[in-house]
Amino acid sequence: MAYEDFLREFAKVQGIGDVDTLLKEHATRYSFQINSRKRALDFIDTLARRLEIDFNGKKVLDVGCAYGSFSIELAKLGAQVVGIDISDKWLKLAEINARDEADVVFLNCDASSRKARKELEQYGPFDLIVVNDVFEHIYDTTGLLDNARNLLKDDGLLYYKVPNGHATRHVLAEGHKKVFGIAQLPPDYWHLFVKAPFHIYYRRWEYYDALFSYFGFEHMLNLNDILDANHELTKRHIINDRNRIRRHLKVENFQNRVQFAHVRRACQYYLEEMERDLEELDWPQLYRKYRVTFWEGILRKRSG
C-alpha cells in the first residue's frame, strides 16, 4: 500500500532505518506523521457530519499539505485536489503516499505569494481551502488570506486549525518542541531554547478574527465545543495549570539564567493577564482563551 511505502520512506528520511523501528521505538516522537491518515479521516468525518458536505466533484486546495494525507483522503472521495507546500522533501513523501491510491496534483508553492495565485488559478475556483496547522508557520498571513479570497468561489469555504499559544497546556509544553514557556516568547528568542531553526508565530485569536473579517470571510461554524461541565470547572483547570506554571518558574528548571529571565518575564505578564481574565471573562471567552489548544472552524467567503 502507498501509505506503507510512505512510512518506509519517512523512516529512511529520518534516519531511523525501517518501519518496525519507527512504529516500535519512535511512535511517540513521530505520532503526528504516523497518524496523518487518521487525522485526515477525522477531519473529513467532522465536515461531513457538521456540514453534510459531499466532496465528490468539489475542487479543494490543501495549503501546507506536507505528507499529503488530507489531500489523498479527499481525492479518494472524488474531490479534485491540489496540495501545496514549500518543502520538496515533504512533497516527495506526499507523492509516495498517494501512489496508486489517489490522483492529486502536488505543487511546490508559497501560498502567501502573488506568484501562487497565478499558478493556482488554473485549478480553481475552489469550493474549499484547507489551512490545517499552517497559519502559525506563515509570516505573511495577509498574503495567504488575500490569495484564499481570490481563489475561492463565492460562498466557498475555508477550514482553519490554528494552535493557541495562550492555552495553559501550550505554555507548560509548547506543542512542537515540548519546551516550557516558549509559546509566550517571540520567535526571535527561540534559538536560545532549540537547536534547529524553528519559528512558530503564536498570535492571539483577535488577530485572526480581525484578518478573517478584513479579507471578506464570515464565521460559519466554530468547531471548538466546550468540554468542561461548567464555568467553575474551567476555572479550576486554569488555576491548577497556573500553579504548575508558577512552580516551574525556578532558575534550576532552565539550562541557564538567560533562558530563565526571558521566560520568567513573559510568564509574569501572562499570569497577570490570567488573574484579570479569571474575574472578568465569561465562560465561553475564558474557555476559548486558555483551554482550547487548537482553534478550529469553518469560514465562508462573503459573496459580492
C-alpha atoms as a PDB file:
ATOM      1  CA  MET A   1       0.000   0.000   0.000  1.00  0.00           C
ATOM      2  CA  ALA A   2       1.055   3.581  -0.684  1.00  0.00           C
ATOM      3  CA  TYR A   3       0.817   4.501   2.999  1.00  0.00           C
ATOM      4  CA  GLU A   4       3.220   1.710   3.930  1.00  0.00           C
ATOM      5  CA  ASP A   5       5.591   2.973   1.238  1.00  0.00           C
ATOM      6  CA  PHE A   6       5.265   6.454   2.755  1.00  0.00           C
ATOM      7  CA  LEU A   7       6.143   5.181   6.247  1.00  0.00           C
ATOM      8  CA  ARG A   8       9.102   3.273   4.841  1.00  0.00           C
ATOM      9  CA  GLU A   9      10.414   6.349   3.038  1.00  0.00           C
ATOM     10  CA  PHE A  10       9.710   8.593   6.041  1.00  0.00           C
ATOM     11  CA  ALA A  11      11.717   6.266   8.298  1.00  0.00           C
ATOM     12  CA  LYS A  12      14.562   6.382   5.779  1.00  0.00           C
ATOM     13  CA  VAL A  13      14.474  10.195   5.563  1.00  0.00           C
ATOM     14  CA  GLN A  14      14.578  10.490   9.360  1.00  0.00           C
ATOM     15  CA  GLY A  15      17.491   8.068   9.556  1.00  0.00           C
ATOM     16  CA  ILE A  16      15.517   5.536  11.580  1.00  0.00           C
ATOM     17  CA  GLY A  17      16.005   2.549   9.330  1.00  0.00           C
ATOM     18  CA  ASP A  18      12.746   0.672   8.881  1.00  0.00           C
ATOM     19  CA  VAL A  19       9.030   0.888   9.604  1.00  0.00           C
ATOM     20  CA  ASP A  20       9.115  -1.573  12.517  1.00  0.00           C
ATOM     21  CA  THR A  21      11.683   0.555  14.315  1.00  0.00           C
ATOM     22  CA  LEU A  22       9.667   3.699  13.538  1.00  0.00           C
ATOM     23  CA  LEU A  23       6.461   2.231  14.993  1.00  0.00           C
ATOM     24  CA  LYS A  24       8.032   0.483  17.986  1.00  0.00           C
ATOM     25  CA  GLU A  25      10.726   2.875  19.139  1.00  0.00           C
ATOM     26  CA  HIS A  26       9.739   6.279  17.747  1.00  0.00           C
ATOM     27  CA  ALA A  27       5.944   6.140  17.723  1.00  0.00           C
ATOM     28  CA  THR A  28       5.530   8.911  20.295  1.00  0.00           C
ATOM     29  CA  ARG A  29       8.004  11.305  18.716  1.00  0.00           C
ATOM     30  CA  TYR A  30       6.549  10.896  15.225  1.00  0.00           C
ATOM     31  CA  SER A  31       2.920  10.277  16.117  1.00  0.00           C
ATOM     32  CA  PHE A  32       1.845  13.376  14.162  1.00  0.00           C
ATOM     33  CA  GLN A  33       3.259  11.930  10.947  1.00  0.00           C
ATOM     34  CA  ILE A  34       2.337   8.308  11.623  1.00  0.00           C
ATOM     35  CA  ASN A  35      -1.288   9.211  12.341  1.00  0.00           C
ATOM     36  CA  SER A  36      -1.665  11.692   9.483  1.00  0.00           C
ATOM     37  CA  ARG A  37      -4.165   9.495   7.606  1.00  0.00           C
ATOM     38  CA  LYS A  38      -6.309   9.084  10.731  1.00  0.00           C
ATOM     39  CA  ARG A  39      -6.305  12.837  11.327  1.00  0.00           C
ATOM     40  CA  ALA A  40      -7.402  13.332   7.735  1.00  0.00           C
ATOM     41  CA  LEU A  41     -10.297  10.888   8.136  1.00  0.00           C
ATOM     42  CA  ASP A  42     -11.341  12.570  11.394  1.00  0.00           C
ATOM     43  CA  PHE A  43     -11.328  15.944   9.615  1.00  0.00           C
ATOM     44  CA  ILE A  44     -13.463  14.592   6.768  1.00  0.00           C
ATOM     45  CA  ASP A  45     -15.868  12.952   9.197  1.00  0.00           C
ATOM     46  CA  THR A  46     -16.270  16.234  11.104  1.00  0.00           C
ATOM     47  CA  LEU A  47     -17.084  18.216   7.972  1.00  0.00           C
ATOM     48  CA  ALA A  48     -19.400  15.526   6.653  1.00  0.00           C
ATOM     49  CA  ARG A  49     -21.341  15.395   9.946  1.00  0.00           C
ATOM     50  CA  ARG A  50     -21.437  19.082  10.770  1.00  0.00           C
ATOM     51  CA  LEU A  51     -21.963  20.471   7.258  1.00  0.00           C
ATOM     52  CA  GLU A  52     -23.258  17.439   5.339  1.00  0.00           C
ATOM     53  CA  ILE A  53     -20.649  18.061   2.624  1.00  0.00           C
ATOM     54  CA  ASP A  54     -20.475  15.730  -0.348  1.00  0.00           C
ATOM     55  CA  PHE A  55     -16.852  16.019  -1.515  1.00  0.00           C
ATOM     56  CA  ASN A  56     -17.422  14.301  -4.856  1.00  0.00           C
ATOM     57  CA  GLY A  57     -16.559  16.741  -7.645  1.00  0.00           C
ATOM     58  CA  LYS A  58     -15.551  19.518  -5.261  1.00  0.00           C
ATOM     59  CA  LYS A  59     -12.404  21.498  -6.017  1.00  0.00           C
ATOM     60  CA  VAL A  60     -10.164  21.585  -2.940  1.00  0.00           C
ATOM     61  CA  LEU A  61      -6.895  23.376  -2.201  1.00  0.00           C
ATOM     62  CA  ASP A  62      -4.842  21.853   0.641  1.00  0.00           C
ATOM     63  CA  VAL A  63      -2.434  24.549   1.875  1.00  0.00           C
ATOM     64  CA  GLY A  64       0.701  23.224   3.560  1.00  0.00           C
ATOM     65  CA  CYS A  65      -0.197  19.675   2.575  1.00  0.00           C
ATOM     66  CA  ALA A  66       3.083  18.203   3.907  1.00  0.00           C
ATOM     67  CA  TYR A  67       2.802  14.401   3.536  1.00  0.00           C
ATOM     68  CA  GLY A  68      -0.434  14.727   1.570  1.00  0.00           C
ATOM     69  CA  SER A  69      -2.776  12.719   3.789  1.00  0.00           C
ATOM     70  CA  PHE A  70      -5.640  15.247   3.804  1.00  0.00           C
ATOM     71  CA  SER A  71      -5.318  15.671   0.022  1.00  0.00           C
ATOM     72  CA  ILE A  72      -5.291  11.914  -0.545  1.00  0.00           C
ATOM     73  CA  GLU A  73      -8.329  11.105   1.594  1.00  0.00           C
ATOM     74  CA  LEU A  74     -10.322  13.924  -0.004  1.00  0.00           C
ATOM     75  CA  ALA A  75      -9.356  12.757  -3.505  1.00  0.00           C
ATOM     76  CA  LYS A  76     -10.465   9.224  -2.659  1.00  0.00           C
ATOM     77  CA  LEU A  77     -13.947  10.679  -2.107  1.00  0.00           C
ATOM     78  CA  GLY A  78     -13.971  12.169  -5.590  1.00  0.00           C
ATOM     79  CA  ALA A  79     -12.662  15.663  -4.864  1.00  0.00           C
ATOM     80  CA  GLN A  80     -10.333  17.394  -7.346  1.00  0.00           C
ATOM     81  CA  VAL A  81      -7.462  18.235  -5.012  1.00  0.00           C
ATOM     82  CA  VAL A  82      -4.358  20.388  -5.286  1.00  0.00           C
ATOM     83  CA  GLY A  83      -1.886  20.061  -2.423  1.00  0.00           C
ATOM     84  CA  ILE A  84       0.782  22.729  -1.996  1.00  0.00           C
ATOM     85  CA  ASP A  85       3.832  23.016   0.225  1.00  0.00           C
ATOM     86  CA  ILE A  86       7.226  24.755   0.163  1.00  0.00           C
ATOM     87  CA  SER A  87       9.223  21.619   1.045  1.00  0.00           C
ATOM     88  CA  ASP A  88      10.345  19.370  -1.795  1.00  0.00           C
ATOM     89  CA  LYS A  89      11.146  16.716   0.809  1.00  0.00           C
ATOM     90  CA  TRP A  90       7.582  16.597   2.089  1.00  0.00           C
ATOM     91  CA  LEU A  91       6.112  16.788  -1.430  1.00  0.00           C
ATOM     92  CA  LYS A  92       8.159  13.764  -2.475  1.00  0.00           C
ATOM     93  CA  LEU A  93       6.746  11.880   0.508  1.00  0.00           C
ATOM     94  CA  ALA A  94       3.247  13.073  -0.438  1.00  0.00           C
ATOM     95  CA  GLU A  95       3.629  11.642  -3.926  1.00  0.00           C
ATOM     96  CA  ILE A  96       4.763   8.309  -2.484  1.00  0.00           C
ATOM     97  CA  ASN A  97       1.838   8.431  -0.047  1.00  0.00           C
ATOM     98  CA  ALA A  98      -0.616   8.923  -2.932  1.00  0.00           C
ATOM     99  CA  ARG A  99       0.921   6.459  -5.392  1.00  0.00           C
ATOM    100  CA  ASP A 100      -1.643   4.085  -6.976  1.00  0.00           C
ATOM    101  CA  GLU A 101      -4.245   5.282  -4.475  1.00  0.00           C
ATOM    102  CA  ALA A 102      -5.323   8.839  -5.307  1.00  0.00           C
ATOM    103  CA  ASP A 103      -4.923  11.344  -8.126  1.00  0.00           C
ATOM    104  CA  VAL A 104      -3.662  14.571  -6.542  1.00  0.00           C
ATOM    105  CA  VAL A 105      -1.759  17.500  -8.021  1.00  0.00           C
ATOM    106  CA  PHE A 106       1.150  18.342  -5.698  1.00  0.00           C
ATOM    107  CA  LEU A 107       2.975  21.654  -6.225  1.00  0.00           C
ATOM    108  CA  ASN A 108       5.861  23.467  -4.577  1.00  0.00           C
ATOM    109  CA  CYS A 109       4.135  26.745  -3.962  1.00  0.00           C
ATOM    110  CA  ASP A 110       4.258  29.522  -1.331  1.00  0.00           C
ATOM    111  CA  ALA A 111       0.603  30.126  -0.527  1.00  0.00           C
ATOM    112  CA  SER A 112       1.206  33.721   0.585  1.00  0.00           C
ATOM    113  CA  SER A 113       2.847  34.887  -2.672  1.00  0.00           C
ATOM    114  CA  ARG A 114       1.251  36.579  -5.681  1.00  0.00           C
ATOM    115  CA  LYS A 115       3.023  34.004  -7.840  1.00  0.00           C
ATOM    116  CA  ALA A 116       1.000  31.291  -6.079  1.00  0.00           C
ATOM    117  CA  ARG A 117      -2.272  32.920  -7.059  1.00  0.00           C
ATOM    118  CA  LYS A 118      -1.285  32.867 -10.728  1.00  0.00           C
ATOM    119  CA  GLU A 119      -0.117  29.243 -10.520  1.00  0.00           C
ATOM    120  CA  LEU A 120      -3.292  28.065  -8.805  1.00  0.00           C
ATOM    121  CA  GLU A 121      -5.936  29.976 -10.779  1.00  0.00           C
ATOM    122  CA  GLN A 122      -5.970  27.296 -13.480  1.00  0.00           C
ATOM    123  CA  TYR A 123      -7.130  24.699 -10.918  1.00  0.00           C
ATOM    124  CA  GLY A 124      -9.883  26.824  -9.356  1.00  0.00           C
ATOM    125  CA  PRO A 125     -12.027  28.451  -8.383  1.00  0.00           C
ATOM    126  CA  PHE A 126     -12.062  26.251  -5.290  1.00  0.00           C
ATOM    127  CA  ASP A 127     -15.059  25.127  -3.257  1.00  0.00           C
ATOM    128  CA  LEU A 128     -12.921  24.506  -0.167  1.00  0.00           C
ATOM    129  CA  ILE A 129      -9.491  25.648   1.011  1.00  0.00           C
ATOM    130  CA  VAL A 130      -7.935  23.689   3.870  1.00  0.00           C
ATOM    131  CA  VAL A 131      -5.464  25.552   6.106  1.00  0.00           C
ATOM    132  CA  ASN A 132      -4.649  22.923   8.716  1.00  0.00           C
ATOM    133  CA  ASP A 133      -1.777  23.631  11.155  1.00  0.00           C
ATOM    134  CA  VAL A 134      -0.354  26.210   8.743  1.00  0.00           C
ATOM    135  CA  PHE A 135      -1.118  29.765   9.893  1.00  0.00           C
ATOM    136  CA  GLU A 136       1.380  29.514  12.757  1.00  0.00           C
ATOM    137  CA  HIS A 137       4.166  28.780  10.247  1.00  0.00           C
ATOM    138  CA  ILE A 138       3.296  31.731   7.968  1.00  0.00           C
ATOM    139  CA  TYR A 139       4.781  35.188   8.440  1.00  0.00           C
ATOM    140  CA  ASP A 140       2.685  36.824   5.700  1.00  0.00           C
ATOM    141  CA  THR A 141      -0.780  35.756   6.810  1.00  0.00           C
ATOM    142  CA  THR A 142      -2.345  38.661   4.951  1.00  0.00           C
ATOM    143  CA  GLY A 143      -0.908  37.389   1.668  1.00  0.00           C
ATOM    144  CA  LEU A 144      -2.302  33.926   2.343  1.00  0.00           C
ATOM    145  CA  LEU A 145      -5.799  35.196   3.131  1.00  0.00           C
ATOM    146  CA  ASP A 146      -5.803  37.576   0.167  1.00  0.00           C
ATOM    147  CA  ASN A 147      -4.953  34.643  -2.106  1.00  0.00           C
ATOM    148  CA  ALA A 148      -7.581  32.451  -0.470  1.00  0.00           C
ATOM    149  CA  ARG A 149     -10.263  35.071  -1.037  1.00  0.00           C
ATOM    150  CA  ASN A 150      -9.356  35.356  -4.714  1.00  0.00           C
ATOM    151  CA  LEU A 151      -9.086  31.604  -5.314  1.00  0.00           C
ATOM    152  CA  LEU A 152     -12.371  30.633  -3.641  1.00  0.00           C
ATOM    153  CA  LYS A 153     -15.764  30.604  -5.303  1.00  0.00           C
ATOM    154  CA  ASP A 154     -18.360  32.985  -3.949  1.00  0.00           C
ATOM    155  CA  ASP A 155     -19.682  31.363  -0.767  1.00  0.00           C
ATOM    156  CA  GLY A 156     -16.680  28.994  -0.853  1.00  0.00           C
ATOM    157  CA  LEU A 157     -15.424  27.605   2.449  1.00  0.00           C
ATOM    158  CA  LEU A 158     -12.132  27.920   4.290  1.00  0.00           C
ATOM    159  CA  TYR A 159     -11.261  25.423   7.036  1.00  0.00           C
ATOM    160  CA  TYR A 160      -8.679  26.506   9.621  1.00  0.00           C
ATOM    161  CA  LYS A 161      -6.949  24.858  12.547  1.00  0.00           C
ATOM    162  CA  VAL A 162      -4.501  27.018  14.499  1.00  0.00           C
ATOM    163  CA  PRO A 163      -2.605  26.270  17.735  1.00  0.00           C
ATOM    164  CA  ASN A 164      -3.371  28.598  20.620  1.00  0.00           C
ATOM    165  CA  GLY A 165      -0.143  29.716  22.305  1.00  0.00           C
ATOM    166  CA  HIS A 166      -2.176  31.231  25.144  1.00  0.00           C
ATOM    167  CA  ALA A 167      -3.590  27.845  26.164  1.00  0.00           C
ATOM    168  CA  THR A 168      -2.127  26.791  29.511  1.00  0.00           C
ATOM    169  CA  ARG A 169      -1.235  23.402  28.028  1.00  0.00           C
ATOM    170  CA  HIS A 170       0.985  25.036  25.408  1.00  0.00           C
ATOM    171  CA  VAL A 171       2.638  27.296  27.962  1.00  0.00           C
ATOM    172  CA  LEU A 172       3.515  24.239  30.047  1.00  0.00           C
ATOM    173  CA  ALA A 173       4.844  22.420  26.956  1.00  0.00           C
ATOM    174  CA  GLU A 174       4.912  24.143  23.565  1.00  0.00           C
ATOM    175  CA  GLY A 175       3.155  21.985  21.008  1.00  0.00           C
ATOM    176  CA  HIS A 176       6.064  21.401  18.616  1.00  0.00           C
ATOM    177  CA  LYS A 177       9.184  21.300  20.798  1.00  0.00           C
ATOM    178  CA  LYS A 178       7.574  20.499  24.178  1.00  0.00           C
ATOM    179  CA  VAL A 179       9.588  23.266  25.855  1.00  0.00           C
ATOM    180  CA  PHE A 180       8.155  25.151  28.830  1.00  0.00           C
ATOM    181  CA  GLY A 181       7.300  28.801  28.309  1.00  0.00           C
ATOM    182  CA  ILE A 182       8.495  29.443  24.759  1.00  0.00           C
ATOM    183  CA  ALA A 183       4.940  29.699  23.415  1.00  0.00           C
ATOM    184  CA  GLN A 184       4.883  33.086  25.167  1.00  0.00           C
ATOM    185  CA  LEU A 185       8.104  34.266  23.519  1.00  0.00           C
ATOM    186  CA  PRO A 186       8.565  35.909  20.101  1.00  0.00           C
ATOM    187  CA  PRO A 187      10.316  33.675  17.533  1.00  0.00           C
ATOM    188  CA  ASP A 188      13.499  35.777  17.849  1.00  0.00           C
ATOM    189  CA  TYR A 189      14.176  34.127  21.223  1.00  0.00           C
ATOM    190  CA  TRP A 190      13.589  30.522  20.223  1.00  0.00           C
ATOM    191  CA  HIS A 191      17.225  29.924  19.236  1.00  0.00           C
ATOM    192  CA  LEU A 192      18.065  30.189  22.939  1.00  0.00           C
ATOM    193  CA  PHE A 193      15.977  27.055  23.610  1.00  0.00           C
ATOM    194  CA  VAL A 194      16.025  24.842  20.497  1.00  0.00           C
ATOM    195  CA  LYS A 195      18.962  23.967  18.258  1.00  0.00           C
ATOM    196  CA  ALA A 196      17.326  23.677  14.861  1.00  0.00           C
ATOM    197  CA  PRO A 197      15.997  26.867  13.210  1.00  0.00           C
ATOM    198  CA  PHE A 198      12.351  26.634  14.111  1.00  0.00           C
ATOM    199  CA  HIS A 199       9.989  29.572  14.371  1.00  0.00           C
ATOM    200  CA  ILE A 200       6.324  29.498  15.286  1.00  0.00           C
ATOM    201  CA  TYR A 201       4.209  32.633  15.264  1.00  0.00           C
ATOM    202  CA  TYR A 202       1.779  32.280  18.156  1.00  0.00           C
ATOM    203  CA  ARG A 203      -0.786  35.010  17.713  1.00  0.00           C
ATOM    204  CA  ARG A 204      -3.893  35.890  19.689  1.00  0.00           C
ATOM    205  CA  TRP A 205      -7.338  34.923  18.476  1.00  0.00           C
ATOM    206  CA  GLU A 206      -8.256  38.589  17.968  1.00  0.00           C
ATOM    207  CA  TYR A 207      -5.501  38.813  15.333  1.00  0.00           C
ATOM    208  CA  TYR A 208      -7.078  36.064  13.231  1.00  0.00           C
ATOM    209  CA  ASP A 209     -10.615  37.249  13.860  1.00  0.00           C
ATOM    210  CA  ALA A 210      -9.780  40.721  12.568  1.00  0.00           C
ATOM    211  CA  LEU A 211      -7.982  39.407   9.476  1.00  0.00           C
ATOM    212  CA  PHE A 212     -10.752  36.959   8.598  1.00  0.00           C
ATOM    213  CA  SER A 213     -13.255  39.815   8.650  1.00  0.00           C
ATOM    214  CA  TYR A 214     -10.997  42.206   6.716  1.00  0.00           C
ATOM    215  CA  PHE A 215     -10.479  39.720   3.891  1.00  0.00           C
ATOM    216  CA  GLY A 216     -14.165  39.023   3.473  1.00  0.00           C
ATOM    217  CA  PHE A 217     -14.745  35.854   5.495  1.00  0.00           C
ATOM    218  CA  GLU A 218     -17.596  35.267   7.911  1.00  0.00           C
ATOM    219  CA  HIS A 219     -17.685  32.679  10.664  1.00  0.00           C
ATOM    220  CA  MET A 220     -19.902  29.803   9.617  1.00  0.00           C
ATOM    221  CA  LEU A 221     -19.108  27.137  12.198  1.00  0.00           C
ATOM    222  CA  ASN A 222     -16.984  27.058  15.346  1.00  0.00           C
ATOM    223  CA  LEU A 223     -15.728  23.506  15.868  1.00  0.00           C
ATOM    224  CA  ASN A 224     -14.444  24.136  19.414  1.00  0.00           C
ATOM    225  CA  ASP A 225     -17.050  22.707  21.768  1.00  0.00           C
ATOM    226  CA  ILE A 226     -16.854  23.470  25.488  1.00  0.00           C
ATOM    227  CA  LEU A 227     -15.918  20.156  27.085  1.00  0.00           C
ATOM    228  CA  ASP A 228     -15.884  21.260  30.732  1.00  0.00           C
ATOM    229  CA  ALA A 229     -19.086  20.626  32.664  1.00  0.00           C
ATOM    230  CA  ASN A 230     -19.414  24.204  33.934  1.00  0.00           C
ATOM    231  CA  HIS A 231     -17.712  27.565  34.367  1.00  0.00           C
ATOM    232  CA  GLU A 232     -16.270  26.672  37.763  1.00  0.00           C
ATOM    233  CA  LEU A 233     -14.594  23.542  36.387  1.00  0.00           C
ATOM    234  CA  THR A 234     -12.954  25.618  33.672  1.00  0.00           C
ATOM    235  CA  LYS A 235     -11.645  27.999  36.312  1.00  0.00           C
ATOM    236  CA  ARG A 236     -10.299  25.117  38.409  1.00  0.00           C
ATOM    237  CA  HIS A 237      -8.423  23.653  35.445  1.00  0.00           C
ATOM    238  CA  ILE A 238      -6.903  27.042  34.650  1.00  0.00           C
ATOM    239  CA  ILE A 239      -5.940  27.694  38.271  1.00  0.00           C
ATOM    240  CA  ASN A 240      -4.324  24.254  38.562  1.00  0.00           C
ATOM    241  CA  ASP A 241      -2.258  24.948  35.449  1.00  0.00           C
ATOM    242  CA  ARG A 242      -1.446  28.438  36.729  1.00  0.00           C
ATOM    243  CA  ASN A 243       0.006  26.870  39.875  1.00  0.00           C
ATOM    244  CA  ARG A 244       2.034  24.396  37.783  1.00  0.00           C
ATOM    245  CA  ILE A 245       3.438  27.289  35.746  1.00  0.00           C
ATOM    246  CA  ARG A 246       4.395  29.135  38.918  1.00  0.00           C
ATOM    247  CA  ARG A 247       6.124  26.044  40.325  1.00  0.00           C
ATOM    248  CA  HIS A 248       8.142  25.626  37.139  1.00  0.00           C
ATOM    249  CA  LEU A 249       9.390  29.230  37.157  1.00  0.00           C
ATOM    250  CA  LYS A 250      12.588  28.446  39.034  1.00  0.00           C
ATOM    251  CA  VAL A 251      16.071  29.025  37.682  1.00  0.00           C
ATOM    252  CA  GLU A 252      17.080  25.406  38.277  1.00  0.00           C
ATOM    253  CA  ASN A 253      14.494  24.275  35.698  1.00  0.00           C
ATOM    254  CA  PHE A 254      16.353  26.080  32.904  1.00  0.00           C
ATOM    255  CA  GLN A 255      19.669  25.472  31.179  1.00  0.00           C
ATOM    256  CA  ASN A 256      20.913  28.943  32.042  1.00  0.00           C
ATOM    257  CA  ARG A 257      19.859  32.260  33.544  1.00  0.00           C
ATOM    258  CA  VAL A 258      19.282  33.871  30.146  1.00  0.00           C
ATOM    259  CA  GLN A 259      16.546  31.347  29.362  1.00  0.00           C
ATOM    260  CA  PHE A 260      15.068  31.815  32.821  1.00  0.00           C
ATOM    261  CA  ALA A 261      14.999  35.612  32.560  1.00  0.00           C
ATOM    262  CA  HIS A 262      13.147  35.663  29.248  1.00  0.00           C
ATOM    263  CA  VAL A 263      10.551  33.052  30.203  1.00  0.00           C
ATOM    264  CA  ARG A 264      10.004  34.497  33.679  1.00  0.00           C
ATOM    265  CA  ARG A 265       9.256  37.952  32.277  1.00  0.00           C
ATOM    266  CA  ALA A 266       6.887  36.585  29.627  1.00  0.00           C
ATOM    267  CA  CYS A 267       5.090  34.308  32.084  1.00  0.00           C
ATOM    268  CA  GLN A 268       4.714  37.087  34.635  1.00  0.00           C
ATOM    269  CA  TYR A 269       2.783  39.136  32.060  1.00  0.00           C
ATOM    270  CA  TYR A 270       0.808  36.031  31.122  1.00  0.00           C
ATOM    271  CA  LEU A 271      -0.138  35.242  34.731  1.00  0.00           C
ATOM    272  CA  GLU A 272      -1.114  38.828  35.469  1.00  0.00           C
ATOM    273  CA  GLU A 273      -3.451  38.787  32.454  1.00  0.00           C
ATOM    274  CA  MET A 274      -4.865  35.432  33.551  1.00  0.00           C
ATOM    275  CA  GLU A 275      -5.748  36.748  37.026  1.00  0.00           C
ATOM    276  CA  ARG A 276      -7.763  39.565  35.497  1.00  0.00           C
ATOM    277  CA  ASP A 277      -9.427  37.249  32.981  1.00  0.00           C
ATOM    278  CA  LEU A 278     -10.498  34.804  35.689  1.00  0.00           C
ATOM    279  CA  GLU A 279     -12.512  37.645  37.200  1.00  0.00           C
ATOM    280  CA  GLU A 280     -13.799  39.382  34.086  1.00  0.00           C
ATOM    281  CA  LEU A 281     -14.293  36.920  31.207  1.00  0.00           C
ATOM    282  CA  ASP A 282     -17.457  34.933  30.730  1.00  0.00           C
ATOM    283  CA  TRP A 283     -17.308  31.146  30.427  1.00  0.00           C
ATOM    284  CA  PRO A 284     -17.028  30.801  26.601  1.00  0.00           C
ATOM    285  CA  GLN A 285     -14.369  33.541  26.435  1.00  0.00           C
ATOM    286  CA  LEU A 286     -12.327  32.052  29.262  1.00  0.00           C
ATOM    287  CA  TYR A 287     -12.545  28.546  27.850  1.00  0.00           C
ATOM    288  CA  ARG A 288     -11.570  29.662  24.353  1.00  0.00           C
ATOM    289  CA  LYS A 289      -8.601  31.702  25.571  1.00  0.00           C
ATOM    290  CA  TYR A 290      -6.989  29.234  27.983  1.00  0.00           C
ATOM    291  CA  ARG A 291      -8.483  25.753  27.482  1.00  0.00           C
ATOM    292  CA  VAL A 292      -8.752  25.424  23.685  1.00  0.00           C
ATOM    293  CA  THR A 293      -5.395  24.161  22.399  1.00  0.00           C
ATOM    294  CA  PHE A 294      -6.315  24.482  18.706  1.00  0.00           C
ATOM    295  CA  TRP A 295      -8.816  26.973  17.336  1.00  0.00           C
ATOM    296  CA  GLU A 296     -10.778  25.178  14.652  1.00  0.00           C
ATOM    297  CA  GLY A 297     -13.619  26.268  12.447  1.00  0.00           C
ATOM    298  CA  ILE A 298     -15.164  26.931   9.052  1.00  0.00           C
ATOM    299  CA  LEU A 299     -15.319  30.318   7.350  1.00  0.00           C
ATOM    300  CA  ARG A 300     -17.465  31.276   4.371  1.00  0.00           C
ATOM    301  CA  LYS A 301     -16.358  33.769   1.764  1.00  0.00           C
ATOM    302  CA  ARG A 302     -18.837  36.623   1.587  1.00  0.00           C
ATOM    303  CA  SER A 303     -20.252  36.897  -1.909  1.00  0.00           C
ATOM    304  CA  GLY A 304     -20.066  40.069  -3.907  1.00  0.00           C
END
